[in-house]
Amino acid sequence: MSSIANKVEWMTNKELNGLAQNRFIDKATQIALAKRSYNLCRQYLASNENLCKEARDILWGYRGYVL
């Protein structure tokens, strides 16, 4: 099965936002979203209650994130 994380780079902003708000995305997808430069997507991801530690650490590296 192909991970959604492999397709994040081709997604539109609307798709990224919807994915970041999904509580059930896997760890690899969360990390891929956290590495994106799209700020609104990262904000949605930061508010995700099932955020993994690796994605959290990536988000902490950006200015202005308080989790």
Protein backbone atom coordinates (compact mmCIF):
# COMPACT_ATOMS: atom_id res chain seq x y z
CA MET A 1 0.00 0.00 0.00
CA SER A 2 1.32 3.41 -0.96
CA SER A 3 1.58 6.01 1.78
CA ILE A 4 -0.10 9.35 1.29
CA ALA A 5 3.18 10.90 2.46
CA ASN A 6 4.69 10.07 -0.93
CA LYS A 7 2.08 12.22 -2.66
CA VAL A 8 2.08 15.29 -0.40
CA GLU A 9 4.32 17.28 -2.73
CA TRP A 10 1.71 17.10 -5.54
CA MET A 11 -1.31 18.05 -3.41
CA THR A 12 -3.14 21.35 -3.59
CA ASN A 13 -3.36 23.63 -0.57
CA LYS A 14 -6.99 22.59 -0.03
CA GLU A 15 -5.98 18.92 0.03
CA LEU A 16 -3.09 19.62 2.42
CA ASN A 17 -5.40 21.48 4.81
CA GLY A 18 -7.95 18.69 4.82
CA LEU A 19 -5.28 16.08 5.41
CA ALA A 20 -3.66 18.06 8.25
CA GLN A 21 -7.00 18.23 10.05
CA ASN A 22 -7.53 14.46 9.79
CA ARG A 23 -6.92 12.77 13.17
CA PHE A 24 -6.19 9.40 11.60
CA ILE A 25 -3.25 10.14 9.28
CA ASP A 26 -0.11 8.07 9.77
CA LYS A 27 3.19 9.25 11.22
CA ALA A 28 4.96 9.52 7.84
CA THR A 29 2.21 11.76 6.47
CA GLN A 30 2.30 14.01 9.54
CA ILE A 31 6.06 14.43 9.14
CA ALA A 32 5.72 15.20 5.42
CA LEU A 33 3.07 17.84 6.18
CA ALA A 34 5.19 19.38 8.95
CA LYS A 35 8.05 19.85 6.47
CA ARG A 36 5.86 21.77 3.99
CA SER A 37 6.29 25.53 3.77
CA TYR A 38 2.52 26.13 3.67
CA ASN A 39 1.82 27.88 6.99
CA LEU A 40 -1.94 27.26 7.27
CA CYS A 41 -1.40 23.53 6.77
CA ARG A 42 1.17 23.51 9.58
CA GLN A 43 -1.26 25.39 11.83
CA TYR A 44 -3.94 22.77 11.24
CA LEU A 45 -1.41 20.02 11.86
CA ALA A 46 -0.27 21.65 15.12
CA SER A 47 -3.87 21.58 16.39
CA ASN A 48 -4.25 17.89 15.49
CA GLU A 49 -4.85 15.97 18.73
CA ASN A 50 -3.00 12.88 17.45
CA LEU A 51 0.17 14.70 16.42
CA CYS A 52 3.23 12.43 16.61
CA LYS A 53 6.37 13.49 18.48
CA GLU A 54 8.51 13.72 15.35
CA ALA A 55 6.09 16.11 13.61
CA ARG A 56 5.77 18.11 16.83
CA ASP A 57 9.55 18.52 16.99
CA ILE A 58 9.66 19.71 13.37
CA LEU A 59 6.92 22.26 14.06
CA TRP A 60 8.75 23.48 17.17
CA GLY A 61 11.67 24.35 14.91
CA TYR A 62 9.59 27.03 13.17
CA ARG A 63 9.09 30.44 14.72
CA GLY A 64 5.77 31.13 16.42
CA TYR A 65 4.59 27.59 17.24
CA VAL A 66 3.42 26.83 20.75
CA LEU A 67 2.07 23.31 21.23
